[in-house]
N, C-alpha and C. Protein backbone atom coordinates (compact mmCIF):
# COMPACT_ATOMS: atom_id res chain seq x y z
N MET A 1 110.07 50.25 98.56
CA MET A 1 108.79 50.47 97.93
C MET A 1 108.55 49.37 96.90
N SER A 2 107.28 49.04 96.77
CA SER A 2 106.94 48.04 95.77
C SER A 2 106.88 48.70 94.39
N ILE A 3 106.84 47.90 93.37
CA ILE A 3 106.82 48.41 92.00
C ILE A 3 105.51 49.17 91.74
N LYS A 4 104.41 48.73 92.35
CA LYS A 4 103.13 49.42 92.17
C LYS A 4 103.18 50.82 92.77
N THR A 5 103.82 50.95 93.92
CA THR A 5 103.95 52.26 94.55
C THR A 5 104.81 53.18 93.71
N LYS A 6 105.89 52.65 93.15
CA LYS A 6 106.76 53.46 92.31
C LYS A 6 106.03 53.93 91.06
N ILE A 7 105.26 53.05 90.44
CA ILE A 7 104.52 53.42 89.24
C ILE A 7 103.47 54.47 89.57
N ALA A 8 102.76 54.30 90.69
CA ALA A 8 101.75 55.27 91.09
C ALA A 8 102.38 56.63 91.38
N THR A 9 103.54 56.64 92.02
CA THR A 9 104.22 57.90 92.31
C THR A 9 104.66 58.58 91.02
N LEU A 10 105.20 57.83 90.09
CA LEU A 10 105.62 58.39 88.81
C LEU A 10 104.42 58.93 88.03
N ALA A 11 103.30 58.21 88.04
CA ALA A 11 102.11 58.68 87.35
C ALA A 11 101.58 59.97 87.96
N LEU A 12 101.59 60.05 89.28
CA LEU A 12 101.12 61.26 89.95
C LEU A 12 102.03 62.44 89.67
N ALA A 13 103.34 62.21 89.67
CA ALA A 13 104.28 63.29 89.36
C ALA A 13 104.13 63.75 87.92
N THR A 14 103.93 62.83 87.00
CA THR A 14 103.73 63.18 85.59
C THR A 14 102.44 63.98 85.42
N LEU A 15 101.40 63.58 86.12
CA LEU A 15 100.14 64.30 86.06
C LEU A 15 100.29 65.71 86.62
N ALA A 16 101.03 65.87 87.71
CA ALA A 16 101.24 67.18 88.31
C ALA A 16 102.03 68.09 87.37
N VAL A 17 103.08 67.56 86.73
CA VAL A 17 103.87 68.36 85.80
C VAL A 17 103.04 68.74 84.58
N ALA A 18 102.28 67.80 84.05
CA ALA A 18 101.45 68.10 82.88
C ALA A 18 100.38 69.12 83.23
N GLY A 19 99.81 69.02 84.41
CA GLY A 19 98.80 69.99 84.84
C GLY A 19 99.37 71.37 85.03
N SER A 20 100.57 71.44 85.58
CA SER A 20 101.18 72.77 85.78
C SER A 20 101.57 73.40 84.45
N LEU A 21 101.97 72.58 83.48
CA LEU A 21 102.29 73.13 82.15
C LEU A 21 101.03 73.58 81.43
N ALA A 22 99.94 72.87 81.63
CA ALA A 22 98.71 73.22 80.95
C ALA A 22 98.08 74.49 81.53
N THR A 23 98.31 74.77 82.79
CA THR A 23 97.67 75.93 83.42
C THR A 23 98.46 77.21 83.25
N THR A 24 99.68 77.16 82.75
CA THR A 24 100.45 78.37 82.57
C THR A 24 100.10 78.99 81.23
N THR A 25 99.18 79.95 81.26
CA THR A 25 98.73 80.57 80.02
C THR A 25 99.11 82.04 79.95
N THR A 26 99.94 82.51 80.87
CA THR A 26 100.35 83.92 80.83
C THR A 26 101.41 84.11 79.77
N LYS A 27 101.56 85.35 79.32
CA LYS A 27 102.57 85.61 78.30
C LYS A 27 103.96 85.60 78.94
N ALA A 28 104.93 85.26 78.16
CA ALA A 28 106.31 85.18 78.65
C ALA A 28 106.89 86.57 78.76
N GLU A 29 107.54 86.84 79.90
CA GLU A 29 108.17 88.14 80.13
C GLU A 29 109.61 87.90 80.54
N ALA A 30 110.48 88.75 80.04
CA ALA A 30 111.90 88.64 80.38
C ALA A 30 112.22 89.62 81.50
N TYR A 31 112.96 89.15 82.49
CA TYR A 31 113.38 89.99 83.60
C TYR A 31 114.89 89.99 83.69
N LYS A 32 115.41 91.00 84.35
CA LYS A 32 116.84 91.06 84.57
C LYS A 32 117.25 89.93 85.51
N PHE A 33 118.39 89.31 85.22
CA PHE A 33 118.88 88.19 86.01
C PHE A 33 119.32 88.69 87.39
N LYS A 34 118.81 88.05 88.43
CA LYS A 34 119.18 88.40 89.80
C LYS A 34 119.77 87.16 90.46
N PRO A 35 121.07 87.20 90.76
CA PRO A 35 121.72 86.00 91.31
C PRO A 35 121.13 85.55 92.64
N TRP A 36 120.59 86.47 93.41
CA TRP A 36 120.07 86.04 94.70
C TRP A 36 118.83 85.18 94.53
N HIS A 37 118.14 85.26 93.37
CA HIS A 37 117.02 84.36 93.13
C HIS A 37 117.51 82.90 93.08
N VAL A 38 118.65 82.69 92.45
CA VAL A 38 119.20 81.34 92.37
C VAL A 38 119.57 80.84 93.76
N GLY A 39 120.21 81.69 94.55
CA GLY A 39 120.58 81.31 95.92
C GLY A 39 119.37 81.01 96.78
N ALA A 40 118.33 81.83 96.63
CA ALA A 40 117.11 81.60 97.41
C ALA A 40 116.45 80.28 97.00
N GLY A 41 116.47 79.99 95.71
CA GLY A 41 115.90 78.72 95.24
C GLY A 41 116.67 77.52 95.75
N LEU A 42 117.99 77.62 95.73
CA LEU A 42 118.81 76.50 96.24
C LEU A 42 118.61 76.32 97.74
N ALA A 43 118.53 77.44 98.48
CA ALA A 43 118.33 77.34 99.93
C ALA A 43 116.98 76.72 100.24
N THR A 44 115.95 77.13 99.51
CA THR A 44 114.62 76.56 99.72
C THR A 44 114.60 75.07 99.39
N ALA A 45 115.26 74.70 98.30
CA ALA A 45 115.32 73.28 97.94
C ALA A 45 116.05 72.47 99.00
N ALA A 46 117.10 73.03 99.57
CA ALA A 46 117.84 72.32 100.62
C ALA A 46 116.98 72.14 101.87
N VAL A 47 116.25 73.17 102.25
CA VAL A 47 115.41 73.08 103.45
C VAL A 47 114.28 72.09 103.24
N VAL A 48 113.62 72.16 102.09
CA VAL A 48 112.51 71.25 101.82
C VAL A 48 113.01 69.81 101.68
N GLY A 49 114.14 69.62 101.01
CA GLY A 49 114.70 68.28 100.87
C GLY A 49 115.10 67.68 102.20
N THR A 50 115.67 68.49 103.08
CA THR A 50 116.04 68.01 104.41
C THR A 50 114.81 67.64 105.22
N ALA A 51 113.76 68.45 105.11
CA ALA A 51 112.53 68.16 105.85
C ALA A 51 111.89 66.86 105.36
N ILE A 52 111.91 66.64 104.06
CA ILE A 52 111.33 65.40 103.52
C ILE A 52 112.15 64.19 103.95
N ALA A 53 113.48 64.32 103.90
CA ALA A 53 114.34 63.20 104.29
C ALA A 53 114.20 62.89 105.78
N ALA A 54 114.03 63.93 106.60
CA ALA A 54 113.92 63.72 108.05
C ALA A 54 112.55 63.16 108.44
N SER A 55 111.53 63.38 107.60
CA SER A 55 110.20 62.93 107.97
C SER A 55 110.03 61.43 107.80
N ASN A 56 110.87 60.80 107.00
CA ASN A 56 110.78 59.36 106.82
C ASN A 56 111.39 58.65 108.01
N GLY A 57 110.74 57.59 108.44
CA GLY A 57 111.25 56.82 109.56
C GLY A 57 112.40 55.92 109.13
N PRO A 58 112.95 55.19 110.07
CA PRO A 58 114.04 54.28 109.72
C PRO A 58 113.54 53.15 108.82
N VAL A 59 114.42 52.69 107.97
CA VAL A 59 114.06 51.63 107.03
C VAL A 59 114.74 50.34 107.48
N TYR A 60 113.95 49.31 107.61
CA TYR A 60 114.48 48.02 108.01
C TYR A 60 114.27 47.03 106.87
N TYR A 61 115.31 46.32 106.50
CA TYR A 61 115.22 45.34 105.45
C TYR A 61 115.30 43.96 106.08
N ASN A 62 114.17 43.30 106.13
CA ASN A 62 114.11 41.96 106.73
C ASN A 62 113.90 40.88 105.67
N ASP A 63 114.14 41.22 104.42
CA ASP A 63 113.87 40.28 103.34
C ASP A 63 115.02 39.30 103.11
N TYR A 64 116.12 39.49 103.77
CA TYR A 64 117.25 38.62 103.51
C TYR A 64 117.93 38.25 104.83
N ARG A 65 118.71 37.20 104.78
CA ARG A 65 119.46 36.77 105.96
C ARG A 65 120.92 37.07 105.74
N ARG A 66 121.54 37.65 106.71
CA ARG A 66 122.98 37.89 106.65
C ARG A 66 123.66 36.77 107.41
N CYS A 67 124.41 35.98 106.71
CA CYS A 67 125.09 34.84 107.33
C CYS A 67 126.60 35.03 107.25
N GLY A 68 127.26 34.52 108.23
CA GLY A 68 128.71 34.60 108.25
C GLY A 68 129.29 33.55 109.18
N LEU A 69 130.59 33.39 109.11
CA LEU A 69 131.27 32.43 109.98
C LEU A 69 131.79 33.15 111.21
N VAL A 70 131.49 32.58 112.37
CA VAL A 70 131.93 33.14 113.65
C VAL A 70 132.88 32.14 114.29
N PRO A 71 134.06 32.59 114.67
CA PRO A 71 135.02 31.65 115.27
C PRO A 71 134.59 31.22 116.68
N ARG A 72 134.91 29.99 117.01
CA ARG A 72 134.65 29.45 118.35
C ARG A 72 135.99 29.09 118.98
N TYR A 73 136.10 29.43 120.26
CA TYR A 73 137.35 29.20 120.98
C TYR A 73 137.06 28.33 122.20
N ASN A 74 138.07 27.61 122.65
CA ASN A 74 137.90 26.82 123.87
C ASN A 74 138.18 27.70 125.08
N MET A 75 138.16 27.11 126.27
CA MET A 75 138.31 27.90 127.50
C MET A 75 139.71 28.47 127.66
N PHE A 76 140.67 28.02 126.88
CA PHE A 76 142.04 28.54 126.94
C PHE A 76 142.29 29.63 125.89
N GLY A 77 141.25 29.95 125.09
CA GLY A 77 141.38 30.98 124.08
C GLY A 77 141.95 30.48 122.77
N GLN A 78 142.03 29.17 122.61
CA GLN A 78 142.56 28.60 121.38
C GLN A 78 141.42 28.39 120.39
N TYR A 79 141.72 28.73 119.13
CA TYR A 79 140.72 28.56 118.07
C TYR A 79 140.41 27.08 117.87
N MET A 80 139.11 26.76 117.78
CA MET A 80 138.71 25.38 117.56
C MET A 80 138.08 25.20 116.17
N TYR A 81 137.05 25.95 115.87
CA TYR A 81 136.36 25.83 114.59
C TYR A 81 135.49 27.08 114.39
N SER A 82 134.86 27.16 113.21
CA SER A 82 133.93 28.26 112.92
C SER A 82 132.53 27.73 112.76
N VAL A 83 131.56 28.53 113.16
CA VAL A 83 130.15 28.16 113.08
C VAL A 83 129.46 29.18 112.19
N ARG A 84 128.57 28.70 111.32
CA ARG A 84 127.80 29.61 110.48
C ARG A 84 126.65 30.17 111.30
N VAL A 85 126.57 31.50 111.39
CA VAL A 85 125.54 32.18 112.16
C VAL A 85 124.82 33.14 111.23
N CYS A 86 123.47 33.12 111.27
CA CYS A 86 122.67 33.99 110.42
C CYS A 86 121.85 34.93 111.29
N ASN A 87 121.82 36.20 110.90
CA ASN A 87 120.98 37.18 111.58
C ASN A 87 119.64 37.22 110.88
N TYR A 88 118.57 37.16 111.65
CA TYR A 88 117.23 37.18 111.06
C TYR A 88 116.60 38.53 111.22
């Protein structure tokens, strides 16, 4: 992602959090702690996170060249020299 996309995403997330905090005007109520609520929240987060991760396509990085030395051999299998080969 470019820096502009990251900044726009951060601004949108900040706006969403600020909006959700501003709209919660109900009075605070205390409830008895129920452990299954925590488990349900974690399970939901796992399912949603997996769905988001699976929805993204493969990422290809073509901004750099990977170069390395590849050995060259003669017809008898004896090492002769190395050649620099770059993947584009």
